[in-house]
């Protein structure tokens, strides 16, 4: 439970809402169906359930477009399920949800009631991960956080720890053998990406179970970042 409050406490600090007092029974679910409203086939990316007293819904939008009335339906689901709740919209970089997902009036009403936060990977998630890494004492978790920080920086800030592109080009063009090697690597890129993604998902699952042993995880192989 200490680890749960350690990491999630920083996250609640980042979204600027008080940490819930009900911490006896915390569950984290992915791809949660909207089973409390008329439209039951929608799925909330991440739901954190604090013993049904408070619910946190995270809509992960690093790339995908908003769907029609998506956030509106998620808000109805949360209101029907929890005594109090907050909906977090999480794009890759700073942007607002489209008006077809939730009207400006709806969003303003949620903001007024502290039921909505708009954060992003490039600012808030990176800040949260770095704070967690700085305070973490477990080497395995700290290494995982550091790798995830590098991934987010590469995807959302354009930061790369790879060699300078011009240096790579010069090495490849230095002789014909290097060109052949570069083409061979290029042909294997799809297979390499697939294996790395599979390893990343498995590592995330393992490390989160280590970091949050008290949380009840339900694995869904169809979940994609």
C-alpha atoms as a PDB file:
ATOM      1  CA  UNK A   1       0.000   0.000   0.000  1.00  0.00           C
ATOM      2  CA  UNK A   2       2.898   2.360   0.634  1.00  0.00           C
ATOM      3  CA  UNK A   3       4.096   1.922  -2.954  1.00  0.00           C
ATOM      4  CA  UNK A   4       0.583   2.568  -4.234  1.00  0.00           C
ATOM      5  CA  UNK A   5       0.353   5.882  -2.404  1.00  0.00           C
ATOM      6  CA  UNK A   6       3.966   6.693  -3.274  1.00  0.00           C
ATOM      7  CA  UNK A   7       3.460   6.635  -7.051  1.00  0.00           C
ATOM      8  CA  UNK A   8      -0.225   7.492  -7.287  1.00  0.00           C
ATOM      9  CA  UNK A   9       0.194  10.327  -4.773  1.00  0.00           C
ATOM     10  CA  UNK A  10       2.596  12.014  -7.181  1.00  0.00           C
ATOM     11  CA  UNK A  11       0.099  11.505  -9.992  1.00  0.00           C
ATOM     12  CA  UNK A  12      -2.721  13.132  -8.025  1.00  0.00           C
ATOM     13  CA  UNK A  13      -0.359  15.986  -7.267  1.00  0.00           C
ATOM     14  CA  UNK A  14       0.280  16.363 -11.007  1.00  0.00           C
ATOM     15  CA  UNK A  15      -3.455  16.527 -11.825  1.00  0.00           C
ATOM     16  CA  UNK A  16      -3.993  18.854  -8.856  1.00  0.00           C
ATOM     17  CA  UNK A  17      -6.717  17.035  -6.950  1.00  0.00           C
ATOM     18  CA  UNK A  18      -6.621  15.719  -3.347  1.00  0.00           C
ATOM     19  CA  UNK A  19      -5.630  12.105  -2.885  1.00  0.00           C
ATOM     20  CA  UNK A  20      -8.739  10.073  -1.936  1.00  0.00           C
ATOM     21  CA  UNK A  21      -9.046   9.114   1.725  1.00  0.00           C
ATOM     22  CA  UNK A  22     -10.568   5.699   0.868  1.00  0.00           C
ATOM     23  CA  UNK A  23      -7.490   3.525   0.260  1.00  0.00           C
ATOM     24  CA  UNK A  24      -8.512   0.141   1.678  1.00  0.00           C
ATOM     25  CA  UNK A  25      -9.616  -1.380  -1.620  1.00  0.00           C
ATOM     26  CA  UNK A  26      -8.009   0.096  -4.745  1.00  0.00           C
ATOM     27  CA  UNK A  27      -8.462  -1.560  -8.134  1.00  0.00           C
ATOM     28  CA  UNK A  28      -7.022  -0.634 -11.524  1.00  0.00           C
ATOM     29  CA  UNK A  29      -8.822  -1.910 -14.611  1.00  0.00           C
ATOM     30  CA  UNK A  30      -8.201  -1.383 -18.314  1.00  0.00           C
ATOM     31  CA  UNK A  31     -10.707  -1.243 -21.150  1.00  0.00           C
ATOM     32  CA  UNK A  32     -13.652  -0.898 -18.741  1.00  0.00           C
ATOM     33  CA  UNK A  33     -17.047  -1.189 -20.445  1.00  0.00           C
ATOM     34  CA  UNK A  34     -19.600   1.579 -19.951  1.00  0.00           C
ATOM     35  CA  UNK A  35     -22.129  -0.779 -18.407  1.00  0.00           C
ATOM     36  CA  UNK A  36     -24.002   1.856 -16.382  1.00  0.00           C
ATOM     37  CA  UNK A  37     -25.312   3.846 -19.356  1.00  0.00           C
ATOM     38  CA  UNK A  38     -27.383   3.165 -22.457  1.00  0.00           C
ATOM     39  CA  UNK A  39     -24.352   2.878 -24.759  1.00  0.00           C
ATOM     40  CA  UNK A  40     -22.573  -0.146 -23.288  1.00  0.00           C
ATOM     41  CA  UNK A  41     -19.951  -0.829 -25.963  1.00  0.00           C
ATOM     42  CA  UNK A  42     -17.576   2.012 -25.109  1.00  0.00           C
ATOM     43  CA  UNK A  43     -14.417   1.232 -23.135  1.00  0.00           C
ATOM     44  CA  UNK A  44     -12.612   3.514 -20.702  1.00  0.00           C
ATOM     45  CA  UNK A  45      -8.853   3.064 -21.177  1.00  0.00           C
ATOM     46  CA  UNK A  46      -7.899   3.084 -17.487  1.00  0.00           C
ATOM     47  CA  UNK A  47     -10.162   3.197 -14.442  1.00  0.00           C
ATOM     48  CA  UNK A  48      -8.877   3.521 -10.878  1.00  0.00           C
ATOM     49  CA  UNK A  49     -11.538   2.494  -8.370  1.00  0.00           C
ATOM     50  CA  UNK A  50     -11.115   3.663  -4.771  1.00  0.00           C
ATOM     51  CA  UNK A  51     -13.580   1.309  -3.095  1.00  0.00           C
ATOM     52  CA  UNK A  52     -16.421   2.741  -5.235  1.00  0.00           C
ATOM     53  CA  UNK A  53     -16.241   6.036  -3.309  1.00  0.00           C
ATOM     54  CA  UNK A  54     -14.014   7.763  -5.849  1.00  0.00           C
ATOM     55  CA  UNK A  55     -13.237   6.880  -9.459  1.00  0.00           C
ATOM     56  CA  UNK A  56     -10.527   8.121 -11.786  1.00  0.00           C
ATOM     57  CA  UNK A  57     -11.030   7.581 -15.526  1.00  0.00           C
ATOM     58  CA  UNK A  58      -8.080   8.143 -17.867  1.00  0.00           C
ATOM     59  CA  UNK A  59      -8.729   8.557 -21.583  1.00  0.00           C
ATOM     60  CA  UNK A  60      -5.406   7.795 -23.264  1.00  0.00           C
ATOM     61  CA  UNK A  61      -5.162   9.801 -26.526  1.00  0.00           C
ATOM     62  CA  UNK A  62      -1.525   9.925 -27.669  1.00  0.00           C
ATOM     63  CA  UNK A  63      -2.560   9.576 -31.324  1.00  0.00           C
ATOM     64  CA  UNK A  64      -6.146   8.429 -31.873  1.00  0.00           C
ATOM     65  CA  UNK A  65      -8.949  10.857 -32.757  1.00  0.00           C
ATOM     66  CA  UNK A  66     -11.848  11.543 -30.414  1.00  0.00           C
ATOM     67  CA  UNK A  67     -15.057   9.636 -31.035  1.00  0.00           C
ATOM     68  CA  UNK A  68     -18.539  11.140 -31.119  1.00  0.00           C
ATOM     69  CA  UNK A  69     -19.749  11.956 -27.568  1.00  0.00           C
ATOM     70  CA  UNK A  70     -16.938   9.830 -26.154  1.00  0.00           C
ATOM     71  CA  UNK A  71     -16.069  11.954 -23.125  1.00  0.00           C
ATOM     72  CA  UNK A  72     -19.738  12.779 -22.534  1.00  0.00           C
ATOM     73  CA  UNK A  73     -20.547   9.078 -22.238  1.00  0.00           C
ATOM     74  CA  UNK A  74     -17.541   8.428 -20.007  1.00  0.00           C
ATOM     75  CA  UNK A  75     -18.685  11.196 -17.667  1.00  0.00           C
ATOM     76  CA  UNK A  76     -22.183   9.679 -17.484  1.00  0.00           C
ATOM     77  CA  UNK A  77     -20.659   6.272 -16.711  1.00  0.00           C
ATOM     78  CA  UNK A  78     -18.494   7.679 -13.904  1.00  0.00           C
ATOM     79  CA  UNK A  79     -21.384   9.659 -12.414  1.00  0.00           C
ATOM     80  CA  UNK A  80     -23.529   6.522 -12.371  1.00  0.00           C
ATOM     81  CA  UNK A  81     -20.810   4.373 -10.802  1.00  0.00           C
ATOM     82  CA  UNK A  82     -19.031   6.552  -8.230  1.00  0.00           C
ATOM     83  CA  UNK A  83     -19.950   8.968  -5.455  1.00  0.00           C
ATOM     84  CA  UNK A  84     -17.285  11.336  -6.776  1.00  0.00           C
ATOM     85  CA  UNK A  85     -15.069  11.088  -9.832  1.00  0.00           C
ATOM     86  CA  UNK A  86     -12.622  12.770 -12.176  1.00  0.00           C
ATOM     87  CA  UNK A  87     -12.110  12.288 -15.910  1.00  0.00           C
ATOM     88  CA  UNK A  88      -8.530  12.765 -17.153  1.00  0.00           C
ATOM     89  CA  UNK A  89      -7.958  13.495 -20.840  1.00  0.00           C
ATOM     90  CA  UNK A  90      -4.411  12.466 -21.800  1.00  0.00           C
ATOM     91  CA  UNK A  91      -3.126  13.420 -25.272  1.00  0.00           C
ATOM     92  CA  UNK A  92       0.488  13.168 -26.373  1.00  0.00           C
ATOM     93  CA  UNK A  93       1.025  16.930 -26.427  1.00  0.00           C
ATOM     94  CA  UNK A  94      -1.010  19.897 -25.268  1.00  0.00           C
ATOM     95  CA  UNK A  95      -4.405  19.824 -26.976  1.00  0.00           C
ATOM     96  CA  UNK A  96      -8.099  19.940 -26.098  1.00  0.00           C
ATOM     97  CA  UNK A  97     -10.670  17.253 -26.917  1.00  0.00           C
ATOM     98  CA  UNK A  98     -12.822  17.868 -29.978  1.00  0.00           C
ATOM     99  CA  UNK A  99     -16.237  19.423 -29.449  1.00  0.00           C
ATOM    100  CA  UNK A 100     -17.943  16.328 -30.823  1.00  0.00           C
ATOM    101  CA  UNK A 101     -16.508  14.343 -27.892  1.00  0.00           C
ATOM    102  CA  UNK A 102     -17.712  16.811 -25.239  1.00  0.00           C
ATOM    103  CA  UNK A 103     -19.164  20.276 -25.612  1.00  0.00           C
ATOM    104  CA  UNK A 104     -17.314  23.289 -24.150  1.00  0.00           C
ATOM    105  CA  UNK A 105     -20.230  23.758 -21.739  1.00  0.00           C
ATOM    106  CA  UNK A 106     -19.881  20.188 -20.464  1.00  0.00           C
ATOM    107  CA  UNK A 107     -16.141  20.571 -19.955  1.00  0.00           C
ATOM    108  CA  UNK A 108     -16.582  23.869 -18.118  1.00  0.00           C
ATOM    109  CA  UNK A 109     -19.149  22.253 -15.842  1.00  0.00           C
ATOM    110  CA  UNK A 110     -16.788  19.351 -15.082  1.00  0.00           C
ATOM    111  CA  UNK A 111     -13.942  21.774 -14.401  1.00  0.00           C
ATOM    112  CA  UNK A 112     -16.110  23.764 -12.019  1.00  0.00           C
ATOM    113  CA  UNK A 113     -16.859  20.595 -10.064  1.00  0.00           C
ATOM    114  CA  UNK A 114     -13.229  19.335 -10.186  1.00  0.00           C
ATOM    115  CA  UNK A 115     -14.341  16.418 -12.361  1.00  0.00           C
ATOM    116  CA  UNK A 116     -12.063  17.020 -15.347  1.00  0.00           C
ATOM    117  CA  UNK A 117      -8.347  17.434 -15.972  1.00  0.00           C
ATOM    118  CA  UNK A 118      -6.500  17.868 -19.272  1.00  0.00           C
ATOM    119  CA  UNK A 119      -2.883  16.755 -19.010  1.00  0.00           C
ATOM    120  CA  UNK A 120      -0.395  15.428 -21.564  1.00  0.00           C
ATOM    121  CA  UNK A 121       2.615  13.168 -21.937  1.00  0.00           C
ATOM    122  CA  UNK A 122       5.093  15.867 -22.949  1.00  0.00           C
ATOM    123  CA  UNK A 123       4.566  17.930 -19.780  1.00  0.00           C
ATOM    124  CA  UNK A 124       2.652  16.195 -16.991  1.00  0.00           C
ATOM    125  CA  UNK A 125       3.394  12.502 -17.481  1.00  0.00           C
ATOM    126  CA  UNK A 126       7.099  13.151 -17.974  1.00  0.00           C
ATOM    127  CA  UNK A 127       7.170  15.328 -14.846  1.00  0.00           C
ATOM    128  CA  UNK A 128       5.370  12.588 -12.888  1.00  0.00           C
ATOM    129  CA  UNK A 129       7.709   9.861 -14.119  1.00  0.00           C
ATOM    130  CA  UNK A 130      10.803  11.921 -13.309  1.00  0.00           C
ATOM    131  CA  UNK A 131       9.561  12.641  -9.787  1.00  0.00           C
ATOM    132  CA  UNK A 132       8.846   8.957  -9.258  1.00  0.00           C
ATOM    133  CA  UNK A 133      12.301   8.012 -10.561  1.00  0.00           C
ATOM    134  CA  UNK A 134      14.000  10.551  -8.300  1.00  0.00           C
ATOM    135  CA  UNK A 135      12.267   9.176  -5.191  1.00  0.00           C
ATOM    136  CA  UNK A 136      12.258   5.470  -6.089  1.00  0.00           C
ATOM    137  CA  UNK A 137      14.624   3.207  -4.141  1.00  0.00           C
ATOM    138  CA  UNK A 138      14.014  -0.082  -5.980  1.00  0.00           C
ATOM    139  CA  UNK A 139      16.607  -0.447  -8.741  1.00  0.00           C
ATOM    140  CA  UNK A 140      14.410  -2.523 -11.060  1.00  0.00           C
ATOM    141  CA  UNK A 141      11.530  -0.053 -10.897  1.00  0.00           C
ATOM    142  CA  UNK A 142      13.863   2.926 -11.279  1.00  0.00           C
ATOM    143  CA  UNK A 143      15.426   1.438 -14.411  1.00  0.00           C
ATOM    144  CA  UNK A 144      11.972   0.781 -15.831  1.00  0.00           C
ATOM    145  CA  UNK A 145      10.913   4.382 -15.137  1.00  0.00           C
ATOM    146  CA  UNK A 146      14.083   5.686 -16.768  1.00  0.00           C
ATOM    147  CA  UNK A 147      13.423   3.642 -19.900  1.00  0.00           C
ATOM    148  CA  UNK A 148       9.807   4.798 -20.020  1.00  0.00           C
ATOM    149  CA  UNK A 149      10.925   8.425 -19.648  1.00  0.00           C
ATOM    150  CA  UNK A 150      13.254   7.979 -22.619  1.00  0.00           C
ATOM    151  CA  UNK A 151      10.422   6.437 -24.640  1.00  0.00           C
ATOM    152  CA  UNK A 152       8.072   9.351 -23.883  1.00  0.00           C
ATOM    153  CA  UNK A 153      10.750  11.935 -24.631  1.00  0.00           C
ATOM    154  CA  UNK A 154      11.449  10.283 -27.972  1.00  0.00           C
ATOM    155  CA  UNK A 155       7.775   9.927 -28.955  1.00  0.00           C
ATOM    156  CA  UNK A 156       6.388  13.248 -27.751  1.00  0.00           C
ATOM    157  CA  UNK A 157       9.339  15.653 -27.557  1.00  0.00           C
ATOM    158  CA  UNK A 158      11.436  14.418 -30.448  1.00  0.00           C
ATOM    159  CA  UNK A 159      14.352  13.814 -28.085  1.00  0.00           C
ATOM    160  CA  UNK A 160      16.649  10.951 -28.986  1.00  0.00           C
ATOM    161  CA  UNK A 161      19.683   9.463 -27.270  1.00  0.00           C
ATOM    162  CA  UNK A 162      20.803   7.832 -30.521  1.00  0.00           C
ATOM    163  CA  UNK A 163      23.873   8.927 -32.432  1.00  0.00           C
ATOM    164  CA  UNK A 164      23.642  12.098 -34.483  1.00  0.00           C
ATOM    165  CA  UNK A 165      21.858  11.373 -37.781  1.00  0.00           C
ATOM    166  CA  UNK A 166      24.676  12.854 -39.870  1.00  0.00           C
ATOM    167  CA  UNK A 167      27.240  10.674 -38.121  1.00  0.00           C
ATOM    168  CA  UNK A 168      25.163   7.562 -38.851  1.00  0.00           C
ATOM    169  CA  UNK A 169      24.870   8.585 -42.504  1.00  0.00           C
ATOM    170  CA  UNK A 170      28.624   9.117 -42.779  1.00  0.00           C
ATOM    171  CA  UNK A 171      29.351   5.681 -41.289  1.00  0.00           C
ATOM    172  CA  UNK A 172      26.904   3.943 -43.635  1.00  0.00           C
ATOM    173  CA  UNK A 173      28.282   5.637 -46.738  1.00  0.00           C
ATOM    174  CA  UNK A 174      31.894   5.003 -45.783  1.00  0.00           C
ATOM    175  CA  UNK A 175      32.059   1.762 -47.753  1.00  0.00           C
ATOM    176  CA  UNK A 176      29.833  -0.650 -49.699  1.00  0.00           C
ATOM    177  CA  UNK A 177      29.784  -3.265 -46.939  1.00  0.00           C
ATOM    178  CA  UNK A 178      28.232  -0.770 -44.501  1.00  0.00           C
ATOM    179  CA  UNK A 179      25.562   0.094 -47.073  1.00  0.00           C
ATOM    180  CA  UNK A 180      24.666  -3.600 -47.409  1.00  0.00           C
ATOM    181  CA  UNK A 181      24.431  -3.930 -43.612  1.00  0.00           C
ATOM    182  CA  UNK A 182      22.217  -0.829 -43.405  1.00  0.00           C
ATOM    183  CA  UNK A 183      19.812  -2.253 -46.006  1.00  0.00           C
ATOM    184  CA  UNK A 184      19.692  -5.582 -44.155  1.00  0.00           C
ATOM    185  CA  UNK A 185      18.811  -3.787 -40.921  1.00  0.00           C
ATOM    186  CA  UNK A 186      16.161  -1.708 -42.713  1.00  0.00           C
ATOM    187  CA  UNK A 187      14.490  -4.871 -44.043  1.00  0.00           C
ATOM    188  CA  UNK A 188      14.245  -6.278 -40.507  1.00  0.00           C
ATOM    189  CA  UNK A 189      12.787  -3.100 -38.952  1.00  0.00           C
ATOM    190  CA  UNK A 190       9.117  -4.328 -38.921  1.00  0.00           C
ATOM    191  CA  UNK A 191      10.083  -7.571 -37.171  1.00  0.00           C
ATOM    192  CA  UNK A 192      12.334  -5.706 -34.717  1.00  0.00           C
ATOM    193  CA  UNK A 193       9.543  -3.225 -33.897  1.00  0.00           C
ATOM    194  CA  UNK A 194       7.084  -6.065 -33.297  1.00  0.00           C
ATOM    195  CA  UNK A 195       9.439  -7.882 -30.922  1.00  0.00           C
ATOM    196  CA  UNK A 196      10.363  -4.699 -29.060  1.00  0.00           C
ATOM    197  CA  UNK A 197       6.685  -3.748 -28.632  1.00  0.00           C
ATOM    198  CA  UNK A 198       5.862  -7.215 -27.327  1.00  0.00           C
ATOM    199  CA  UNK A 199       8.774  -7.029 -24.868  1.00  0.00           C
ATOM    200  CA  UNK A 200       7.777  -3.508 -23.788  1.00  0.00           C
ATOM    201  CA  UNK A 201       4.179  -4.549 -23.012  1.00  0.00           C
ATOM    202  CA  UNK A 202       5.359  -7.589 -21.031  1.00  0.00           C
ATOM    203  CA  UNK A 203       7.921  -5.512 -19.114  1.00  0.00           C
ATOM    204  CA  UNK A 204       5.278  -2.881 -18.269  1.00  0.00           C
ATOM    205  CA  UNK A 205       2.959  -5.574 -16.924  1.00  0.00           C
ATOM    206  CA  UNK A 206       5.708  -7.180 -14.814  1.00  0.00           C
ATOM    207  CA  UNK A 207       7.078  -3.924 -13.397  1.00  0.00           C
ATOM    208  CA  UNK A 208       3.658  -2.525 -12.494  1.00  0.00           C
ATOM    209  CA  UNK A 209       2.813  -5.731 -10.647  1.00  0.00           C
ATOM    210  CA  UNK A 210       6.081  -5.371  -8.730  1.00  0.00           C
ATOM    211  CA  UNK A 211       5.487  -1.684  -7.987  1.00  0.00           C
ATOM    212  CA  UNK A 212       1.808  -2.068  -7.041  1.00  0.00           C
ATOM    213  CA  UNK A 213       1.352  -5.535  -5.504  1.00  0.00           C
ATOM    214  CA  UNK A 214      -1.824  -4.459  -3.689  1.00  0.00           C
ATOM    215  CA  UNK A 215      -3.603  -3.370  -6.856  1.00  0.00           C
ATOM    216  CA  UNK A 216      -5.895  -5.764  -8.667  1.00  0.00           C
ATOM    217  CA  UNK A 217      -4.830  -5.814 -12.326  1.00  0.00           C
ATOM    218  CA  UNK A 218      -6.964  -7.355 -15.036  1.00  0.00           C
ATOM    219  CA  UNK A 219      -4.865  -8.050 -18.105  1.00  0.00           C
ATOM    220  CA  UNK A 220      -6.379  -7.351 -21.526  1.00  0.00           C
ATOM    221  CA  UNK A 221      -4.202  -8.447 -24.438  1.00  0.00           C
ATOM    222  CA  UNK A 222      -6.125  -6.123 -26.770  1.00  0.00           C
ATOM    223  CA  UNK A 223      -5.037  -3.010 -24.862  1.00  0.00           C
ATOM    224  CA  UNK A 224      -2.718  -0.753 -26.860  1.00  0.00           C
ATOM    225  CA  UNK A 225      -0.860   2.322 -25.715  1.00  0.00           C
END
